Amino acid sequence: MTSSRPSTATSPEPPTAAAGRRARARKGKGGRGGNPYPYLFYVPAGVVYTVVFLVPTIMAFYFSMTRWTLFDSTFVGLENFTDFFAEQNLRIGFQNTLIYAVTTSALKVVLGMALGVLLTSRIKLRGFLRSVVFFPVLVSTVAVGITFSVLLKPDTGLVNKALALVGISGPDWLGDANTALLSVALVDVWKGVGLATVIYIAGMMSIPRDYYQAVAVDGGGAWHRFRFVTLPLSWPATNSVIILSFIGGLRSFDLIWTMTRGGPGFTSDVIASIIYKQYQAGFFGLSTAGNVILFIVVTALVVPLTRFLSAREVAA
């Protein structure tokens, strides 16, 4: 005979109520919005960011509207900006900056991905080769520029001597207006592709092996593994390499100045080298205005590019 006593088992809690309770618990533990850390933890980072970035940026905007020396300054409004835009080689500088940034970024993406695929495969001496690829990143940029300036000399450089052995007469790589900027860009790629490769290796090693096994089960080969697994799932790494390389290309100065000093003439000048020449001439306010313009240009180009790449990453 069954008992008429009501069951003591509790009915399951509605999902919405459980989710609300968990959210309130997180809010109680971590503060507003479920933040797991007290806001006091962010104070040291905020102080460093303010001192290192915000204050110098605000000061740069102010001094860009003055004629200043180490001891005094005179407010001149927007005169420095109009004078900077009146520079005769400014158009060439903007053009070279964009060409340099796009060329170095594209080559680092292509070569970095290719080397990443190679160095994540089962080849001998894989660890040693990774070290070799990354080694140029550790070398001083100025040292790299000086070294390649010697290697690319038209008469005594090893590059033209090696080309002469196969019957090719090499050009004056850094003295010819048609090859100077491209030569520096290729050296920049040689130095920076190691970092791009490391980013790609990290991205590729995080891809679950199940995807490659699924392609193998379907009868796919190496190209299919790359096309349908490695390429799309490495998009976060590609995103990082593009942004880092493009920003570095837009603000590049040390390698260009070491190898060509903007020459021959103004043919390899970029915005940063034009600004430095103003500093050398003692026009500190004018060069500060150039730095502000460069900051605005980099921001105007990188922010929409970052949003576009991030949208592609989410879609992928």
C-alpha atoms as a PDB file:
ATOM      1  CA  MET A   1       0.000   0.000   0.000  1.00  0.00           C
ATOM      2  CA  THR A   2       1.460   3.344  -0.975  1.00  0.00           C
ATOM      3  CA  SER A   3       1.892   6.087   1.572  1.00  0.00           C
ATOM      4  CA  SER A   4      -0.135   9.263   1.270  1.00  0.00           C
ATOM      5  CA  ARG A   5       2.582  11.312   2.959  1.00  0.00           C
ATOM      6  CA  PRO A   6       3.852  14.120   0.656  1.00  0.00           C
ATOM      7  CA  SER A   7       7.330  13.725  -0.811  1.00  0.00           C
ATOM      8  CA  THR A   8      10.115  15.638   0.931  1.00  0.00           C
ATOM      9  CA  ALA A   9      12.227  15.968  -2.274  1.00  0.00           C
ATOM     10  CA  THR A  10      12.645  19.577  -3.365  1.00  0.00           C
ATOM     11  CA  SER A  11      11.842  20.608  -6.891  1.00  0.00           C
ATOM     12  CA  PRO A  12      14.781  21.719  -9.033  1.00  0.00           C
ATOM     13  CA  GLU A  13      15.544  25.422  -8.956  1.00  0.00           C
ATOM     14  CA  PRO A  14      14.656  27.332 -12.131  1.00  0.00           C
ATOM     15  CA  PRO A  15      17.773  28.041 -14.261  1.00  0.00           C
ATOM     16  CA  THR A  16      17.167  31.781 -14.255  1.00  0.00           C
ATOM     17  CA  ALA A  17      17.035  31.903 -10.473  1.00  0.00           C
ATOM     18  CA  ALA A  18      20.250  29.875 -10.140  1.00  0.00           C
ATOM     19  CA  ALA A  19      22.032  32.109 -12.656  1.00  0.00           C
ATOM     20  CA  GLY A  20      20.855  35.211 -10.817  1.00  0.00           C
ATOM     21  CA  ARG A  21      22.084  33.869  -7.493  1.00  0.00           C
ATOM     22  CA  ARG A  22      25.521  33.066  -8.946  1.00  0.00           C
ATOM     23  CA  ALA A  23      25.766  36.526 -10.482  1.00  0.00           C
ATOM     24  CA  ARG A  24      24.912  38.149  -7.139  1.00  0.00           C
ATOM     25  CA  ALA A  25      27.518  35.976  -5.446  1.00  0.00           C
ATOM     26  CA  ARG A  26      30.178  37.036  -7.945  1.00  0.00           C
ATOM     27  CA  LYS A  27      29.163  40.657  -7.551  1.00  0.00           C
ATOM     28  CA  GLY A  28      29.398  40.381  -3.786  1.00  0.00           C
ATOM     29  CA  LYS A  29      32.858  38.839  -3.970  1.00  0.00           C
ATOM     30  CA  GLY A  30      34.455  40.996  -6.595  1.00  0.00           C
ATOM     31  CA  GLY A  31      32.542  44.224  -6.701  1.00  0.00           C
ATOM     32  CA  ARG A  32      30.603  45.746  -9.550  1.00  0.00           C
ATOM     33  CA  GLY A  33      30.274  43.654 -12.714  1.00  0.00           C
ATOM     34  CA  GLY A  34      31.739  40.505 -11.166  1.00  0.00           C
ATOM     35  CA  ASN A  35      35.285  41.866 -11.110  1.00  0.00           C
ATOM     36  CA  PRO A  36      37.336  39.315  -9.107  1.00  0.00           C
ATOM     37  CA  TYR A  37      39.833  41.913  -7.824  1.00  0.00           C
ATOM     38  CA  PRO A  38      39.344  44.985  -5.618  1.00  0.00           C
ATOM     39  CA  TYR A  39      39.822  48.232  -7.446  1.00  0.00           C
ATOM     40  CA  LEU A  40      42.745  49.056  -5.154  1.00  0.00           C
ATOM     41  CA  PHE A  41      44.805  46.462  -7.050  1.00  0.00           C
ATOM     42  CA  TYR A  42      44.637  48.608 -10.177  1.00  0.00           C
ATOM     43  CA  VAL A  43      46.105  51.708  -8.516  1.00  0.00           C
ATOM     44  CA  PRO A  44      49.834  50.852  -9.086  1.00  0.00           C
ATOM     45  CA  ALA A  45      49.258  50.126 -12.765  1.00  0.00           C
ATOM     46  CA  GLY A  46      47.169  53.287 -13.086  1.00  0.00           C
ATOM     47  CA  VAL A  47      49.907  55.392 -11.492  1.00  0.00           C
ATOM     48  CA  VAL A  48      52.585  53.948 -13.780  1.00  0.00           C
ATOM     49  CA  TYR A  49      50.377  54.421 -16.857  1.00  0.00           C
ATOM     50  CA  THR A  50      49.624  58.017 -15.878  1.00  0.00           C
ATOM     51  CA  VAL A  51      53.258  58.927 -15.199  1.00  0.00           C
ATOM     52  CA  VAL A  52      54.789  57.073 -18.142  1.00  0.00           C
ATOM     53  CA  PHE A  53      52.145  57.680 -20.817  1.00  0.00           C
ATOM     54  CA  LEU A  54      49.401  60.195 -20.010  1.00  0.00           C
ATOM     55  CA  VAL A  55      51.545  62.983 -18.553  1.00  0.00           C
ATOM     56  CA  PRO A  56      54.201  62.907 -21.339  1.00  0.00           C
ATOM     57  CA  THR A  57      51.445  62.780 -23.972  1.00  0.00           C
ATOM     58  CA  ILE A  58      49.678  65.839 -22.558  1.00  0.00           C
ATOM     59  CA  MET A  59      53.012  67.667 -22.242  1.00  0.00           C
ATOM     60  CA  ALA A  60      53.866  66.773 -25.851  1.00  0.00           C
ATOM     61  CA  PHE A  61      50.567  68.236 -27.069  1.00  0.00           C
ATOM     62  CA  TYR A  62      51.292  71.433 -25.155  1.00  0.00           C
ATOM     63  CA  PHE A  63      54.925  71.817 -26.245  1.00  0.00           C
ATOM     64  CA  SER A  64      53.940  71.121 -29.855  1.00  0.00           C
ATOM     65  CA  MET A  65      52.252  74.528 -29.755  1.00  0.00           C
ATOM     66  CA  THR A  66      55.309  76.349 -28.409  1.00  0.00           C
ATOM     67  CA  ARG A  67      58.799  77.298 -29.411  1.00  0.00           C
ATOM     68  CA  TRP A  68      60.768  75.816 -26.573  1.00  0.00           C
ATOM     69  CA  THR A  69      64.255  75.172 -25.316  1.00  0.00           C
ATOM     70  CA  LEU A  70      65.444  73.523 -22.130  1.00  0.00           C
ATOM     71  CA  PHE A  71      64.917  76.761 -20.226  1.00  0.00           C
ATOM     72  CA  ASP A  72      61.904  78.594 -21.685  1.00  0.00           C
ATOM     73  CA  SER A  73      58.996  78.311 -24.105  1.00  0.00           C
ATOM     74  CA  THR A  74      56.819  80.672 -26.136  1.00  0.00           C
ATOM     75  CA  PHE A  75      53.273  79.763 -27.102  1.00  0.00           C
ATOM     76  CA  VAL A  76      52.733  79.970 -30.873  1.00  0.00           C
ATOM     77  CA  GLY A  77      49.460  78.076 -31.333  1.00  0.00           C
ATOM     78  CA  LEU A  78      49.212  75.931 -34.460  1.00  0.00           C
ATOM     79  CA  GLU A  79      52.146  77.583 -36.224  1.00  0.00           C
ATOM     80  CA  ASN A  80      54.410  74.557 -35.707  1.00  0.00           C
ATOM     81  CA  PHE A  81      51.853  72.298 -37.369  1.00  0.00           C
ATOM     82  CA  THR A  82      51.498  74.545 -40.414  1.00  0.00           C
ATOM     83  CA  ASP A  83      55.286  74.788 -40.714  1.00  0.00           C
ATOM     84  CA  PHE A  84      55.646  71.008 -40.442  1.00  0.00           C
ATOM     85  CA  PHE A  85      53.085  70.416 -43.196  1.00  0.00           C
ATOM     86  CA  ALA A  86      54.984  72.909 -45.332  1.00  0.00           C
ATOM     87  CA  GLU A  87      58.083  70.659 -45.335  1.00  0.00           C
ATOM     88  CA  GLN A  88      59.082  70.027 -48.945  1.00  0.00           C
ATOM     89  CA  ASN A  89      59.802  66.321 -48.439  1.00  0.00           C
ATOM     90  CA  LEU A  90      56.813  65.600 -46.185  1.00  0.00           C
ATOM     91  CA  ARG A  91      54.802  63.976 -48.968  1.00  0.00           C
ATOM     92  CA  ILE A  92      57.700  61.647 -49.741  1.00  0.00           C
ATOM     93  CA  GLY A  93      58.017  60.880 -46.029  1.00  0.00           C
ATOM     94  CA  PHE A  94      54.354  59.903 -45.691  1.00  0.00           C
ATOM     95  CA  GLN A  95      54.523  57.810 -48.846  1.00  0.00           C
ATOM     96  CA  ASN A  96      57.694  56.015 -47.771  1.00  0.00           C
ATOM     97  CA  THR A  97      56.300  55.399 -44.277  1.00  0.00           C
ATOM     98  CA  LEU A  98      53.197  53.665 -45.655  1.00  0.00           C
ATOM     99  CA  ILE A  99      55.189  51.662 -48.222  1.00  0.00           C
ATOM    100  CA  TYR A 100      57.672  50.588 -45.559  1.00  0.00           C
ATOM    101  CA  ALA A 101      54.983  49.603 -43.043  1.00  0.00           C
ATOM    102  CA  VAL A 102      52.876  47.641 -45.551  1.00  0.00           C
ATOM    103  CA  THR A 103      55.884  45.875 -47.112  1.00  0.00           C
ATOM    104  CA  THR A 104      57.468  44.790 -43.835  1.00  0.00           C
ATOM    105  CA  SER A 105      54.121  43.718 -42.336  1.00  0.00           C
ATOM    106  CA  ALA A 106      53.135  41.636 -45.357  1.00  0.00           C
ATOM    107  CA  LEU A 107      56.507  39.876 -45.588  1.00  0.00           C
ATOM    108  CA  LYS A 108      56.604  39.143 -41.846  1.00  0.00           C
ATOM    109  CA  VAL A 109      53.131  37.584 -42.025  1.00  0.00           C
ATOM    110  CA  VAL A 110      53.975  35.390 -45.023  1.00  0.00           C
ATOM    111  CA  LEU A 111      57.462  34.349 -43.894  1.00  0.00           C
ATOM    112  CA  GLY A 112      56.453  34.036 -40.239  1.00  0.00           C
ATOM    113  CA  MET A 113      53.590  31.701 -41.101  1.00  0.00           C
ATOM    114  CA  ALA A 114      55.775  29.624 -43.438  1.00  0.00           C
ATOM    115  CA  LEU A 115      58.501  29.283 -40.814  1.00  0.00           C
ATOM    116  CA  GLY A 116      55.891  28.567 -38.157  1.00  0.00           C
ATOM    117  CA  VAL A 117      54.523  25.662 -40.207  1.00  0.00           C
ATOM    118  CA  LEU A 118      58.050  24.368 -40.811  1.00  0.00           C
ATOM    119  CA  LEU A 119      59.166  24.652 -37.183  1.00  0.00           C
ATOM    120  CA  THR A 120      56.056  22.947 -35.796  1.00  0.00           C
ATOM    121  CA  SER A 121      56.535  19.956 -38.080  1.00  0.00           C
ATOM    122  CA  ARG A 122      58.554  16.869 -37.189  1.00  0.00           C
ATOM    123  CA  ILE A 123      61.941  17.912 -38.502  1.00  0.00           C
ATOM    124  CA  LYS A 124      65.343  17.292 -37.023  1.00  0.00           C
ATOM    125  CA  LEU A 125      67.036  20.042 -35.006  1.00  0.00           C
ATOM    126  CA  ARG A 126      63.691  21.787 -34.602  1.00  0.00           C
ATOM    127  CA  GLY A 127      64.681  23.441 -31.312  1.00  0.00           C
ATOM    128  CA  PHE A 128      68.008  24.640 -32.716  1.00  0.00           C
ATOM    129  CA  LEU A 129      66.355  26.095 -35.813  1.00  0.00           C
ATOM    130  CA  ARG A 130      63.853  27.962 -33.664  1.00  0.00           C
ATOM    131  CA  SER A 131      66.749  29.562 -31.797  1.00  0.00           C
ATOM    132  CA  VAL A 132      68.471  30.499 -35.053  1.00  0.00           C
ATOM    133  CA  VAL A 133      65.315  32.126 -36.435  1.00  0.00           C
ATOM    134  CA  PHE A 134      64.737  34.117 -33.263  1.00  0.00           C
ATOM    135  CA  PHE A 135      68.371  35.199 -32.792  1.00  0.00           C
ATOM    136  CA  PRO A 136      68.193  38.368 -34.998  1.00  0.00           C
ATOM    137  CA  VAL A 137      65.433  39.728 -32.750  1.00  0.00           C
ATOM    138  CA  LEU A 138      67.924  39.847 -29.873  1.00  0.00           C
ATOM    139  CA  VAL A 139      70.573  41.773 -31.806  1.00  0.00           C
ATOM    140  CA  SER A 140      70.715  45.559 -31.499  1.00  0.00           C
ATOM    141  CA  THR A 141      68.985  47.341 -34.385  1.00  0.00           C
ATOM    142  CA  VAL A 142      71.894  49.753 -34.748  1.00  0.00           C
ATOM    143  CA  ALA A 143      74.356  46.850 -34.917  1.00  0.00           C
ATOM    144  CA  VAL A 144      72.228  45.183 -37.600  1.00  0.00           C
ATOM    145  CA  GLY A 145      72.101  48.418 -39.591  1.00  0.00           C
ATOM    146  CA  ILE A 146      75.866  48.922 -39.456  1.00  0.00           C
ATOM    147  CA  THR A 147      76.544  45.307 -40.388  1.00  0.00           C
ATOM    148  CA  PHE A 148      74.260  45.323 -43.404  1.00  0.00           C
ATOM    149  CA  SER A 149      75.567  48.716 -44.497  1.00  0.00           C
ATOM    150  CA  VAL A 150      78.952  47.014 -44.886  1.00  0.00           C
ATOM    151  CA  LEU A 151      77.522  43.883 -46.518  1.00  0.00           C
ATOM    152  CA  LEU A 152      75.569  45.942 -49.083  1.00  0.00           C
ATOM    153  CA  LYS A 153      78.424  48.176 -50.221  1.00  0.00           C
ATOM    154  CA  PRO A 154      78.517  48.201 -54.036  1.00  0.00           C
ATOM    155  CA  ASP A 155      82.199  47.321 -54.520  1.00  0.00           C
ATOM    156  CA  THR A 156      83.385  45.589 -51.373  1.00  0.00           C
ATOM    157  CA  GLY A 157      80.175  44.203 -49.911  1.00  0.00           C
ATOM    158  CA  LEU A 158      79.767  40.439 -49.638  1.00  0.00           C
ATOM    159  CA  VAL A 159      76.310  40.537 -51.214  1.00  0.00           C
ATOM    160  CA  ASN A 160      77.530  41.932 -54.539  1.00  0.00           C
ATOM    161  CA  LYS A 161      80.609  39.703 -54.432  1.00  0.00           C
ATOM    162  CA  ALA A 162      78.356  36.650 -54.052  1.00  0.00           C
ATOM    163  CA  LEU A 163      76.192  37.838 -56.952  1.00  0.00           C
ATOM    164  CA  ALA A 164      79.316  38.366 -59.083  1.00  0.00           C
ATOM    165  CA  LEU A 165      80.200  34.694 -58.655  1.00  0.00           C
ATOM    166  CA  VAL A 166      77.064  33.774 -60.620  1.00  0.00           C
ATOM    167  CA  GLY A 167      77.522  36.512 -63.193  1.00  0.00           C
ATOM    168  CA  ILE A 168      75.149  39.123 -61.732  1.00  0.00           C
ATOM    169  CA  SER A 169      76.250  42.715 -61.293  1.00  0.00           C
ATOM    170  CA  GLY A 170      74.678  43.913 -58.080  1.00  0.00           C
ATOM    171  CA  PRO A 171      73.423  47.507 -57.735  1.00  0.00           C
ATOM    172  CA  ASP A 172      74.355  50.119 -55.172  1.00  0.00           C
ATOM    173  CA  TRP A 173      71.711  48.857 -52.760  1.00  0.00           C
ATOM    174  CA  LEU A 174      71.726  51.818 -50.385  1.00  0.00           C
ATOM    175  CA  GLY A 175      72.942  54.495 -52.787  1.00  0.00           C
ATOM    176  CA  ASP A 176      70.334  53.976 -55.501  1.00  0.00           C
ATOM    177  CA  ALA A 177      67.008  55.763 -55.022  1.00  0.00           C
ATOM    178  CA  ASN A 178      65.160  52.787 -56.492  1.00  0.00           C
ATOM    179  CA  THR A 179      66.549  50.205 -54.071  1.00  0.00           C
ATOM    180  CA  ALA A 180      67.440  52.060 -50.860  1.00  0.00           C
ATOM    181  CA  LEU A 181      64.066  51.879 -49.086  1.00  0.00           C
ATOM    182  CA  LEU A 182      63.411  48.304 -50.232  1.00  0.00           C
ATOM    183  CA  SER A 183      66.850  47.203 -49.030  1.00  0.00           C
ATOM    184  CA  VAL A 184      66.226  48.607 -45.559  1.00  0.00           C
ATOM    185  CA  ALA A 185      62.766  47.015 -45.508  1.00  0.00           C
ATOM    186  CA  LEU A 186      64.235  43.589 -46.298  1.00  0.00           C
ATOM    187  CA  VAL A 187      66.781  43.972 -43.502  1.00  0.00           C
ATOM    188  CA  ASP A 188      63.925  44.927 -41.175  1.00  0.00           C
ATOM    189  CA  VAL A 189      62.078  41.751 -42.190  1.00  0.00           C
ATOM    190  CA  TRP A 190      65.185  39.627 -41.576  1.00  0.00           C
ATOM    191  CA  LYS A 191      65.521  41.092 -38.101  1.00  0.00           C
ATOM    192  CA  GLY A 192      61.840  40.936 -37.122  1.00  0.00           C
ATOM    193  CA  VAL A 193      60.539  37.743 -38.731  1.00  0.00           C
ATOM    194  CA  GLY A 194      61.760  35.719 -35.736  1.00  0.00           C
ATOM    195  CA  LEU A 195      59.222  37.364 -33.447  1.00  0.00           C
ATOM    196  CA  ALA A 196      56.449  36.747 -35.963  1.00  0.00           C
ATOM    197  CA  THR A 197      57.538  33.110 -36.190  1.00  0.00           C
ATOM    198  CA  VAL A 198      57.391  32.651 -32.415  1.00  0.00           C
ATOM    199  CA  ILE A 199      53.867  34.099 -32.346  1.00  0.00           C
ATOM    200  CA  TYR A 200      52.796  31.721 -35.112  1.00  0.00           C
ATOM    201  CA  ILE A 201      54.422  28.735 -33.393  1.00  0.00           C
ATOM    202  CA  ALA A 202      52.496  29.519 -30.205  1.00  0.00           C
ATOM    203  CA  GLY A 203      49.253  29.846 -32.154  1.00  0.00           C
ATOM    204  CA  MET A 204      49.742  26.668 -34.166  1.00  0.00           C
ATOM    205  CA  MET A 205      50.713  24.574 -31.159  1.00  0.00           C
ATOM    206  CA  SER A 206      47.468  25.573 -29.440  1.00  0.00           C
ATOM    207  CA  ILE A 207      45.361  24.087 -32.277  1.00  0.00           C
ATOM    208  CA  PRO A 208      43.806  20.788 -31.119  1.00  0.00           C
ATOM    209  CA  ARG A 209      45.228  17.791 -32.972  1.00  0.00           C
ATOM    210  CA  ASP A 210      41.716  16.393 -33.422  1.00  0.00           C
ATOM    211  CA  TYR A 211      41.143  18.774 -36.325  1.00  0.00           C
ATOM    212  CA  TYR A 212      44.159  17.447 -38.207  1.00  0.00           C
ATOM    213  CA  GLN A 213      43.060  13.877 -37.533  1.00  0.00           C
ATOM    214  CA  ALA A 214      39.611  14.685 -38.912  1.00  0.00           C
ATOM    215  CA  VAL A 215      41.180  16.005 -42.114  1.00  0.00           C
ATOM    216  CA  ALA A 216      43.293  12.832 -42.390  1.00  0.00           C
ATOM    217  CA  VAL A 217      40.211  10.659 -41.925  1.00  0.00           C
ATOM    218  CA  ASP A 218      38.514  12.531 -44.769  1.00  0.00           C
ATOM    219  CA  GLY A 219      41.492  11.818 -46.995  1.00  0.00           C
ATOM    220  CA  GLY A 220      42.995  15.302 -46.933  1.00  0.00           C
ATOM    221  CA  GLY A 221      46.682  15.945 -47.450  1.00  0.00           C
ATOM    222  CA  ALA A 222      49.149  18.563 -46.232  1.00  0.00           C
ATOM    223  CA  TRP A 223      47.560  21.338 -48.282  1.00  0.00           C
ATOM    224  CA  HIS A 224      44.104  20.554 -46.906  1.00  0.00           C
ATOM    225  CA  ARG A 225      45.451  20.587 -43.334  1.00  0.00           C
ATOM    226  CA  PHE A 226      46.980  23.992 -43.927  1.00  0.00           C
ATOM    227  CA  ARG A 227      44.047  25.438 -45.863  1.00  0.00           C
ATOM    228  CA  PHE A 228      41.189  24.282 -43.644  1.00  0.00           C
ATOM    229  CA  VAL A 229      42.818  24.004 -40.207  1.00  0.00           C
ATOM    230  CA  THR A 230      46.102  25.877 -39.768  1.00  0.00           C
ATOM    231  CA  LEU A 231      45.255  28.987 -41.774  1.00  0.00           C
ATOM    232  CA  PRO A 232      41.856  29.827 -40.231  1.00  0.00           C
ATOM    233  CA  LEU A 233      42.723  28.763 -36.673  1.00  0.00           C
ATOM    234  CA  SER A 234      45.959  30.780 -36.762  1.00  0.00           C
ATOM    235  CA  TRP A 235      44.028  33.983 -37.382  1.00  0.00           C
ATOM    236  CA  PRO A 236      44.587  35.332 -33.820  1.00  0.00           C
ATOM    237  CA  ALA A 237      48.350  34.993 -34.394  1.00  0.00           C
ATOM    238  CA  THR A 238      48.036  36.658 -37.796  1.00  0.00           C
ATOM    239  CA  ASN A 239      46.082  39.475 -36.181  1.00  0.00           C
ATOM    240  CA  SER A 240      48.854  40.056 -33.629  1.00  0.00           C
ATOM    241  CA  VAL A 241      51.647  39.924 -36.208  1.00  0.00           C
ATOM    242  CA  ILE A 242      49.904  42.398 -38.529  1.00  0.00           C
ATOM    243  CA  ILE A 243      49.221  44.928 -35.775  1.00  0.00           C
ATOM    244  CA  LEU A 244      52.684  44.726 -34.193  1.00  0.00           C
ATOM    245  CA  SER A 245      54.503  44.825 -37.543  1.00  0.00           C
ATOM    246  CA  PHE A 246      52.387  47.656 -38.924  1.00  0.00           C
ATOM    247  CA  ILE A 247      52.869  49.839 -35.851  1.00  0.00           C
ATOM    248  CA  GLY A 248      56.592  49.103 -35.894  1.00  0.00           C
ATOM    249  CA  GLY A 249      56.789  49.981 -39.581  1.00  0.00           C
ATOM    250  CA  LEU A 250      54.955  53.280 -39.156  1.00  0.00           C
ATOM    251  CA  ARG A 251      57.275  54.435 -36.386  1.00  0.00           C
ATOM    252  CA  SER A 252      60.479  52.868 -37.729  1.00  0.00           C
ATOM    253  CA  PHE A 253      63.522  55.110 -37.500  1.00  0.00           C
ATOM    254  CA  ASP A 254      66.690  53.551 -36.089  1.00  0.00           C
ATOM    255  CA  LEU A 255      67.348  51.055 -38.883  1.00  0.00           C
ATOM    256  CA  ILE A 256      66.591  53.554 -41.648  1.00  0.00           C
ATOM    257  CA  TRP A 257      68.753  56.232 -40.054  1.00  0.00           C
ATOM    258  CA  THR A 258      71.643  53.849 -39.473  1.00  0.00           C
ATOM    259  CA  MET A 259      71.660  52.513 -43.030  1.00  0.00           C
ATOM    260  CA  THR A 260      70.674  55.465 -45.268  1.00  0.00           C
ATOM    261  CA  ARG A 261      69.998  58.554 -43.086  1.00  0.00           C
ATOM    262  CA  GLY A 262      67.001  59.141 -45.325  1.00  0.00           C
ATOM    263  CA  GLY A 263      69.095  59.184 -48.491  1.00  0.00           C
ATOM    264  CA  PRO A 264      70.075  59.271 -51.191  1.00  0.00           C
ATOM    265  CA  GLY A 265      68.590  62.750 -51.048  1.00  0.00           C
ATOM    266  CA  PHE A 266      65.186  62.351 -49.416  1.00  0.00           C
ATOM    267  CA  THR A 267      64.214  59.156 -51.223  1.00  0.00           C
ATOM    268  CA  SER A 268      64.178  56.925 -48.139  1.00  0.00           C
ATOM    269  CA  ASP A 269      63.020  59.521 -45.639  1.00  0.00           C
ATOM    270  CA  VAL A 270      60.138  58.500 -43.379  1.00  0.00           C
ATOM    271  CA  ILE A 271      58.152  60.636 -40.945  1.00  0.00           C
ATOM    272  CA  ALA A 272      60.374  59.692 -38.006  1.00  0.00           C
ATOM    273  CA  SER A 273      63.577  60.648 -39.832  1.00  0.00           C
ATOM    274  CA  ILE A 274      62.087  63.998 -40.868  1.00  0.00           C
ATOM    275  CA  ILE A 275      61.216  64.661 -37.223  1.00  0.00           C
ATOM    276  CA  TYR A 276      64.736  63.757 -36.125  1.00  0.00           C
ATOM    277  CA  LYS A 277      66.262  66.134 -38.652  1.00  0.00           C
ATOM    278  CA  GLN A 278      64.168  68.936 -37.120  1.00  0.00           C
ATOM    279  CA  TYR A 279      65.544  68.028 -33.700  1.00  0.00           C
ATOM    280  CA  GLN A 280      69.076  68.134 -35.090  1.00  0.00           C
ATOM    281  CA  ALA A 281      68.438  71.612 -36.503  1.00  0.00           C
ATOM    282  CA  GLY A 282      67.252  72.844 -33.095  1.00  0.00           C
ATOM    283  CA  PHE A 283      63.561  73.256 -33.997  1.00  0.00           C
ATOM    284  CA  PHE A 284      62.288  71.474 -30.908  1.00  0.00           C
ATOM    285  CA  GLY A 285      58.729  72.766 -31.046  1.00  0.00           C
ATOM    286  CA  LEU A 286      58.450  71.920 -34.734  1.00  0.00           C
ATOM    287  CA  SER A 287      59.741  68.392 -34.202  1.00  0.00           C
ATOM    288  CA  THR A 288      57.399  67.921 -31.217  1.00  0.00           C
ATOM    289  CA  ALA A 289      54.515  68.879 -33.504  1.00  0.00           C
ATOM    290  CA  GLY A 290      55.762  66.234 -35.926  1.00  0.00           C
ATOM    291  CA  ASN A 291      55.675  63.641 -33.163  1.00  0.00           C
ATOM    292  CA  VAL A 292      52.089  64.596 -32.353  1.00  0.00           C
ATOM    293  CA  ILE A 293      51.162  64.281 -36.025  1.00  0.00           C
ATOM    294  CA  LEU A 294      52.844  60.872 -36.186  1.00  0.00           C
ATOM    295  CA  PHE A 295      50.917  59.793 -33.071  1.00  0.00           C
ATOM    296  CA  ILE A 296      47.636  60.884 -34.661  1.00  0.00           C
ATOM    297  CA  VAL A 297      48.460  59.165 -37.956  1.00  0.00           C
ATOM    298  CA  VAL A 298      49.397  55.885 -36.256  1.00  0.00           C
ATOM    299  CA  THR A 299      46.213  55.998 -34.148  1.00  0.00           C
ATOM    300  CA  ALA A 300      44.028  56.847 -37.142  1.00  0.00           C
ATOM    301  CA  LEU A 301      45.411  53.891 -39.109  1.00  0.00           C
ATOM    302  CA  VAL A 302      45.802  51.272 -36.391  1.00  0.00           C
ATOM    303  CA  VAL A 303      42.482  51.678 -34.536  1.00  0.00           C
ATOM    304  CA  PRO A 304      40.235  50.879 -37.549  1.00  0.00           C
ATOM    305  CA  LEU A 305      42.655  48.176 -38.677  1.00  0.00           C
ATOM    306  CA  THR A 306      42.462  46.558 -35.233  1.00  0.00           C
ATOM    307  CA  ARG A 307      38.659  46.654 -35.280  1.00  0.00           C
ATOM    308  CA  PHE A 308      38.553  45.158 -38.762  1.00  0.00           C
ATOM    309  CA  LEU A 309      40.933  42.336 -37.882  1.00  0.00           C
ATOM    310  CA  SER A 310      39.134  41.661 -34.604  1.00  0.00           C
ATOM    311  CA  ALA A 311      35.815  41.400 -36.453  1.00  0.00           C
ATOM    312  CA  ARG A 312      37.399  38.938 -38.880  1.00  0.00           C
ATOM    313  CA  GLU A 313      38.762  36.954 -35.952  1.00  0.00           C
ATOM    314  CA  VAL A 314      35.323  36.681 -34.325  1.00  0.00           C
ATOM    315  CA  ALA A 315      33.755  35.731 -37.655  1.00  0.00           C
ATOM    316  CA  ALA A 316      36.377  33.039 -38.189  1.00  0.00           C
END
